[in-house]
Each structure stands twice: as C-alpha cells, then as structure tokens.
Amino acid sequence: MSHPFMQRAATTARKSLPSMLVMVGLMGVATSAAAADFGFLGNLGEFICGIATFINTKYLFVAGLILIVLGAIGIANSESTIMKFVSVICIGIGLAAAAPAIMKTLGVAAQCTGF
C-alpha cells in the first residue's frame, strides 16, 4: 500500500497536468519571442536627424516643446485611460522632435549632419 501523501500528490499531479503542459508550451514560444531581433531600431537616430535636417531645428525644437506641454496638460486633465495613452504618445513624439536640438545644445551626442 502506498502512503496517503503519495496518493494525494498523484491526484494533484493528474489534475494539474494539462495546465503544466500548456505552461511548458507557452514557455517554449516565449523563449523564441524573447530572442527577436531589434536591429531595426539602429537607424532611429538617423531618421530623427533626417527629420531635423529637413525642418529647421529651431522650429522642430519649439514644436517638440509644444507637444510635450500639450501632452502633459492632457495627462493632467484626462480621466480615461485611452486619453492618457494618447497624451503619453504626444509627449514621446515631442521628445523625439526636440531630441536633436537638445543633444546639440548639451553636447551629449554627436550632432546630426546637415545643421
């Protein structure tokens, strides 16, 4: 005869077997998704510098500041989650627009060519 603890453990293992198989399957998919290539983000700085070169930097910097302020006001005054999400996107676009001028002023990174 087996021990009652072993019987209980076997019953619990049989009940959770489908869940464990699903979890192992999802872990197999998740590891391959974690190994995704993010090389497409390497040209993001050149893209922003291209936009900054296309539009005069002073205007782009002011437009970025306006977008940041409007996004912050939108977050402060919104009650819905979707409006806060849109406002955060607005702030992100404003930071991206103002980034080349800020980097050039602070000397943090190499300036974009074409200024």
N, C-alpha and C. Protein backbone atom coordinates (compact mmCIF):
# COMPACT_ATOMS: atom_id res chain seq x y z
N MET A 1 0.83 -1.18 0.00
CA MET A 1 0.00 0.00 0.00
C MET A 1 0.87 1.24 0.00
N SER A 2 0.40 2.24 -0.70
CA SER A 2 1.18 3.47 -0.72
C SER A 2 0.69 4.40 0.38
N HIS A 3 1.52 5.33 0.61
CA HIS A 3 1.26 6.30 1.67
C HIS A 3 0.15 7.27 1.23
N PRO A 4 -0.71 7.77 2.15
CA PRO A 4 -1.78 8.69 1.75
C PRO A 4 -1.25 9.99 1.13
N PHE A 5 -0.08 10.42 1.57
CA PHE A 5 0.52 11.63 1.00
C PHE A 5 0.84 11.43 -0.47
N MET A 6 1.35 10.22 -0.80
CA MET A 6 1.69 9.93 -2.19
C MET A 6 0.44 9.85 -3.05
N GLN A 7 -0.64 9.32 -2.52
CA GLN A 7 -1.89 9.26 -3.26
C GLN A 7 -2.43 10.67 -3.54
N ARG A 8 -2.36 11.51 -2.52
CA ARG A 8 -2.82 12.89 -2.70
C ARG A 8 -1.95 13.64 -3.71
N ALA A 9 -0.64 13.42 -3.66
CA ALA A 9 0.27 14.07 -4.60
C ALA A 9 0.00 13.59 -6.03
N ALA A 10 -0.27 12.31 -6.20
CA ALA A 10 -0.55 11.77 -7.53
C ALA A 10 -1.86 12.34 -8.07
N THR A 11 -2.86 12.48 -7.21
CA THR A 11 -4.14 13.06 -7.63
C THR A 11 -3.97 14.52 -8.04
N THR A 12 -3.22 15.26 -7.27
CA THR A 12 -2.97 16.67 -7.59
C THR A 12 -2.19 16.80 -8.89
N ALA A 13 -1.21 15.92 -9.09
CA ALA A 13 -0.41 15.96 -10.32
C ALA A 13 -1.27 15.66 -11.54
N ARG A 14 -2.21 14.70 -11.41
CA ARG A 14 -3.09 14.38 -12.54
C ARG A 14 -4.01 15.55 -12.86
N LYS A 15 -4.45 16.27 -11.83
CA LYS A 15 -5.34 17.41 -12.06
C LYS A 15 -4.62 18.57 -12.74
N SER A 16 -3.37 18.78 -12.39
CA SER A 16 -2.64 19.94 -12.92
C SER A 16 -1.81 19.62 -14.16
N LEU A 17 -1.86 18.39 -14.64
CA LEU A 17 -1.06 18.01 -15.80
C LEU A 17 -1.40 18.83 -17.06
N PRO A 18 -2.68 19.03 -17.41
CA PRO A 18 -2.95 19.86 -18.60
C PRO A 18 -2.44 21.29 -18.47
N SER A 19 -2.57 21.85 -17.29
CA SER A 19 -2.08 23.22 -17.08
C SER A 19 -0.57 23.28 -17.22
N MET A 20 0.10 22.25 -16.70
CA MET A 20 1.56 22.22 -16.80
C MET A 20 2.01 22.08 -18.26
N LEU A 21 1.30 21.26 -19.03
CA LEU A 21 1.66 21.11 -20.44
C LEU A 21 1.47 22.41 -21.21
N VAL A 22 0.39 23.14 -20.91
CA VAL A 22 0.16 24.43 -21.56
C VAL A 22 1.26 25.41 -21.17
N MET A 23 1.63 25.41 -19.89
CA MET A 23 2.67 26.32 -19.42
C MET A 23 4.02 26.02 -20.10
N VAL A 24 4.36 24.74 -20.22
CA VAL A 24 5.62 24.38 -20.87
C VAL A 24 5.59 24.77 -22.34
N GLY A 25 4.43 24.59 -22.99
CA GLY A 25 4.30 25.02 -24.39
C GLY A 25 4.45 26.51 -24.56
N LEU A 26 3.84 27.28 -23.66
CA LEU A 26 3.97 28.74 -23.72
C LEU A 26 5.39 29.20 -23.44
N MET A 27 6.07 28.50 -22.54
CA MET A 27 7.46 28.86 -22.27
C MET A 27 8.34 28.62 -23.50
N GLY A 28 8.03 27.59 -24.25
CA GLY A 28 8.78 27.33 -25.48
C GLY A 28 8.58 28.42 -26.50
N VAL A 29 7.37 28.94 -26.60
CA VAL A 29 7.08 30.03 -27.54
C VAL A 29 7.69 31.33 -27.04
N ALA A 30 7.64 31.57 -25.74
CA ALA A 30 8.13 32.82 -25.17
C ALA A 30 9.64 32.96 -25.33
N THR A 31 10.38 31.88 -25.24
CA THR A 31 11.83 32.00 -25.38
C THR A 31 12.20 32.37 -26.80
N SER A 32 11.48 31.86 -27.78
CA SER A 32 11.79 32.23 -29.15
C SER A 32 11.38 33.68 -29.43
N ALA A 33 10.32 34.14 -28.78
CA ALA A 33 9.91 35.54 -28.95
C ALA A 33 10.89 36.48 -28.27
N ALA A 34 11.50 36.05 -27.18
CA ALA A 34 12.45 36.90 -26.47
C ALA A 34 13.73 37.08 -27.28
N ALA A 35 14.00 36.18 -28.19
CA ALA A 35 15.21 36.27 -28.99
C ALA A 35 15.00 37.06 -30.28
N ALA A 36 13.97 37.90 -30.31
CA ALA A 36 13.66 38.68 -31.51
C ALA A 36 14.78 39.68 -31.78
N ASP A 37 14.94 40.02 -33.02
CA ASP A 37 15.99 40.94 -33.43
C ASP A 37 15.47 42.37 -33.39
N PHE A 38 16.15 43.23 -32.66
CA PHE A 38 15.76 44.63 -32.56
C PHE A 38 16.70 45.51 -33.37
N GLY A 39 17.28 44.97 -34.41
CA GLY A 39 18.21 45.71 -35.25
C GLY A 39 17.56 46.84 -36.03
N PHE A 40 16.24 46.76 -36.21
CA PHE A 40 15.55 47.81 -36.96
C PHE A 40 15.54 49.14 -36.21
N LEU A 41 15.83 49.13 -34.91
CA LEU A 41 15.87 50.38 -34.15
C LEU A 41 17.22 51.08 -34.29
N GLY A 42 18.18 50.47 -34.94
CA GLY A 42 19.50 51.06 -35.07
C GLY A 42 19.53 52.33 -35.89
N ASN A 43 18.61 52.48 -36.82
CA ASN A 43 18.59 53.66 -37.68
C ASN A 43 17.63 54.73 -37.18
N LEU A 44 17.12 54.59 -35.96
CA LEU A 44 16.16 55.55 -35.44
C LEU A 44 16.79 56.93 -35.27
N GLY A 45 18.02 57.00 -34.80
CA GLY A 45 18.70 58.29 -34.64
C GLY A 45 18.91 58.99 -35.97
N GLU A 46 19.27 58.23 -36.99
CA GLU A 46 19.44 58.82 -38.32
C GLU A 46 18.11 59.32 -38.88
N PHE A 47 17.03 58.60 -38.58
CA PHE A 47 15.71 59.03 -39.02
C PHE A 47 15.32 60.35 -38.37
N ILE A 48 15.57 60.46 -37.06
CA ILE A 48 15.24 61.71 -36.35
C ILE A 48 16.12 62.84 -36.85
N CYS A 49 17.40 62.57 -37.09
CA CYS A 49 18.27 63.61 -37.62
C CYS A 49 17.85 64.01 -39.03
N GLY A 50 17.35 63.06 -39.81
CA GLY A 50 16.85 63.40 -41.14
C GLY A 50 15.66 64.32 -41.08
N ILE A 51 14.76 64.08 -40.15
CA ILE A 51 13.61 64.98 -39.97
C ILE A 51 14.09 66.34 -39.49
N ALA A 52 15.04 66.35 -38.57
CA ALA A 52 15.55 67.61 -38.05
C ALA A 52 16.27 68.41 -39.12
N THR A 53 16.94 67.72 -40.02
CA THR A 53 17.62 68.41 -41.12
C THR A 53 16.60 68.95 -42.11
N PHE A 54 15.54 68.19 -42.33
CA PHE A 54 14.51 68.61 -43.27
C PHE A 54 13.78 69.86 -42.78
N ILE A 55 13.48 69.90 -41.50
CA ILE A 55 12.81 71.05 -40.90
C ILE A 55 13.87 71.78 -40.07
N ASN A 56 13.85 73.08 -40.09
CA ASN A 56 14.81 73.85 -39.31
C ASN A 56 14.72 73.44 -37.84
N THR A 57 15.86 73.30 -37.20
CA THR A 57 15.90 72.78 -35.83
C THR A 57 15.18 73.67 -34.83
N LYS A 58 15.23 74.95 -35.01
CA LYS A 58 14.55 75.83 -34.05
C LYS A 58 13.05 75.57 -34.07
N TYR A 59 12.50 75.44 -35.26
CA TYR A 59 11.06 75.18 -35.36
C TYR A 59 10.71 73.80 -34.82
N LEU A 60 11.56 72.83 -35.09
CA LEU A 60 11.32 71.48 -34.61
C LEU A 60 11.41 71.42 -33.09
N PHE A 61 12.36 72.15 -32.51
CA PHE A 61 12.52 72.19 -31.06
C PHE A 61 11.29 72.82 -30.41
N VAL A 62 10.82 73.93 -30.96
CA VAL A 62 9.64 74.60 -30.40
C VAL A 62 8.41 73.71 -30.56
N ALA A 63 8.28 73.05 -31.71
CA ALA A 63 7.15 72.14 -31.91
C ALA A 63 7.21 70.98 -30.91
N GLY A 64 8.40 70.48 -30.64
CA GLY A 64 8.56 69.42 -29.64
C GLY A 64 8.17 69.88 -28.26
N LEU A 65 8.58 71.09 -27.89
CA LEU A 65 8.20 71.61 -26.57
C LEU A 65 6.70 71.81 -26.46
N ILE A 66 6.08 72.28 -27.53
CA ILE A 66 4.62 72.47 -27.51
C ILE A 66 3.92 71.12 -27.35
N LEU A 67 4.40 70.10 -28.06
CA LEU A 67 3.80 68.77 -27.93
C LEU A 67 3.98 68.20 -26.53
N ILE A 68 5.13 68.43 -25.92
CA ILE A 68 5.37 67.95 -24.57
C ILE A 68 4.41 68.63 -23.60
N VAL A 69 4.26 69.94 -23.72
CA VAL A 69 3.37 70.67 -22.82
C VAL A 69 1.92 70.25 -23.02
N LEU A 70 1.49 70.13 -24.28
CA LEU A 70 0.11 69.70 -24.55
C LEU A 70 -0.15 68.29 -24.03
N GLY A 71 0.83 67.41 -24.18
CA GLY A 71 0.69 66.05 -23.65
C GLY A 71 0.60 66.03 -22.13
N ALA A 72 1.41 66.85 -21.47
CA ALA A 72 1.36 66.91 -20.01
C ALA A 72 0.02 67.47 -19.53
N ILE A 73 -0.49 68.48 -20.21
CA ILE A 73 -1.80 69.02 -19.86
C ILE A 73 -2.88 67.97 -20.10
N GLY A 74 -2.74 67.21 -21.19
CA GLY A 74 -3.71 66.15 -21.48
C GLY A 74 -3.72 65.08 -20.41
N ILE A 75 -2.54 64.70 -19.90
CA ILE A 75 -2.47 63.70 -18.83
C ILE A 75 -3.09 64.25 -17.56
N ALA A 76 -2.81 65.50 -17.25
CA ALA A 76 -3.32 66.09 -16.01
C ALA A 76 -4.84 66.24 -16.02
N ASN A 77 -5.42 66.48 -17.18
CA ASN A 77 -6.85 66.75 -17.23
C ASN A 77 -7.69 65.55 -17.65
N SER A 78 -7.08 64.46 -18.05
CA SER A 78 -7.87 63.33 -18.57
C SER A 78 -8.25 62.39 -17.44
N GLU A 79 -9.42 61.79 -17.62
CA GLU A 79 -9.88 60.79 -16.68
C GLU A 79 -9.85 59.39 -17.28
N SER A 80 -9.87 59.31 -18.58
CA SER A 80 -9.88 58.00 -19.22
C SER A 80 -8.46 57.51 -19.49
N THR A 81 -8.33 56.22 -19.53
CA THR A 81 -7.02 55.62 -19.76
C THR A 81 -6.56 55.85 -21.19
N ILE A 82 -7.46 55.81 -22.14
CA ILE A 82 -7.07 55.97 -23.55
C ILE A 82 -6.54 57.38 -23.81
N MET A 83 -7.13 58.37 -23.17
CA MET A 83 -6.64 59.75 -23.36
C MET A 83 -5.26 59.92 -22.74
N LYS A 84 -5.02 59.26 -21.61
CA LYS A 84 -3.68 59.31 -21.02
C LYS A 84 -2.67 58.63 -21.94
N PHE A 85 -3.08 57.54 -22.57
CA PHE A 85 -2.21 56.84 -23.51
C PHE A 85 -1.87 57.73 -24.70
N VAL A 86 -2.87 58.40 -25.25
CA VAL A 86 -2.64 59.30 -26.38
C VAL A 86 -1.75 60.46 -25.95
N SER A 87 -1.93 60.97 -24.74
CA SER A 87 -1.10 62.07 -24.25
C SER A 87 0.35 61.64 -24.06
N VAL A 88 0.57 60.42 -23.62
CA VAL A 88 1.94 59.91 -23.47
C VAL A 88 2.59 59.77 -24.84
N ILE A 89 1.83 59.34 -25.84
CA ILE A 89 2.35 59.27 -27.20
C ILE A 89 2.72 60.67 -27.69
N CYS A 90 1.89 61.66 -27.37
CA CYS A 90 2.16 63.05 -27.74
C CYS A 90 3.46 63.53 -27.10
N ILE A 91 3.67 63.19 -25.84
CA ILE A 91 4.91 63.58 -25.15
C ILE A 91 6.11 62.88 -25.79
N GLY A 92 5.96 61.62 -26.15
CA GLY A 92 7.05 60.89 -26.79
C GLY A 92 7.44 61.48 -28.13
N ILE A 93 6.45 61.87 -28.91
CA ILE A 93 6.74 62.50 -30.21
C ILE A 93 7.42 63.85 -29.98
N GLY A 94 6.97 64.58 -28.95
CA GLY A 94 7.59 65.86 -28.63
C GLY A 94 9.05 65.70 -28.22
N LEU A 95 9.33 64.67 -27.41
CA LEU A 95 10.72 64.42 -27.01
C LEU A 95 11.58 64.02 -28.20
N ALA A 96 11.00 63.21 -29.09
CA ALA A 96 11.76 62.81 -30.28
C ALA A 96 12.02 64.00 -31.19
N ALA A 97 11.06 64.92 -31.26
CA ALA A 97 11.25 66.09 -32.11
C ALA A 97 12.28 67.04 -31.53
N ALA A 98 12.29 67.17 -30.21
CA ALA A 98 13.22 68.10 -29.57
C ALA A 98 14.59 67.49 -29.30
N ALA A 99 14.72 66.17 -29.43
CA ALA A 99 15.96 65.49 -29.06
C ALA A 99 17.20 65.97 -29.82
N PRO A 100 17.17 66.12 -31.15
CA PRO A 100 18.40 66.55 -31.82
C PRO A 100 18.89 67.92 -31.36
N ALA A 101 17.96 68.86 -31.15
CA ALA A 101 18.37 70.19 -30.69
C ALA A 101 18.91 70.13 -29.26
N ILE A 102 18.28 69.33 -28.42
CA ILE A 102 18.76 69.20 -27.04
C ILE A 102 20.14 68.56 -27.01
N MET A 103 20.33 67.50 -27.79
CA MET A 103 21.64 66.83 -27.83
C MET A 103 22.72 67.75 -28.39
N LYS A 104 22.36 68.57 -29.36
CA LYS A 104 23.33 69.50 -29.93
C LYS A 104 23.70 70.57 -28.91
N THR A 105 22.72 71.10 -28.19
CA THR A 105 22.96 72.14 -27.20
C THR A 105 23.79 71.63 -26.02
N LEU A 106 23.45 70.44 -25.52
CA LEU A 106 24.15 69.90 -24.36
C LEU A 106 25.47 69.23 -24.72
N GLY A 107 25.68 68.93 -25.98
CA GLY A 107 26.90 68.26 -26.39
C GLY A 107 26.98 66.83 -25.91
N VAL A 108 25.82 66.22 -25.65
CA VAL A 108 25.80 64.85 -25.14
C VAL A 108 26.15 63.86 -26.23
N ALA A 109 25.65 64.07 -27.42
CA ALA A 109 25.90 63.13 -28.51
C ALA A 109 26.41 63.93 -29.71
N ALA A 110 26.88 63.21 -30.67
CA ALA A 110 27.36 63.86 -31.89
C ALA A 110 26.18 64.54 -32.58
N GLN A 111 26.46 65.72 -33.12
CA GLN A 111 25.39 66.45 -33.80
C GLN A 111 25.01 65.75 -35.09
N CYS A 112 23.81 66.01 -35.49
CA CYS A 112 23.36 65.49 -36.77
C CYS A 112 24.06 66.28 -37.88
N THR A 113 24.41 65.62 -38.92
CA THR A 113 24.99 66.33 -40.06
C THR A 113 23.90 67.08 -40.78
N GLY A 114 24.20 68.21 -41.29
CA GLY A 114 23.24 68.98 -42.04
C GLY A 114 22.69 70.18 -41.31
N PHE A 115 23.13 70.43 -40.09
CA PHE A 115 22.65 71.60 -39.34
C PHE A 115 23.52 72.79 -39.69
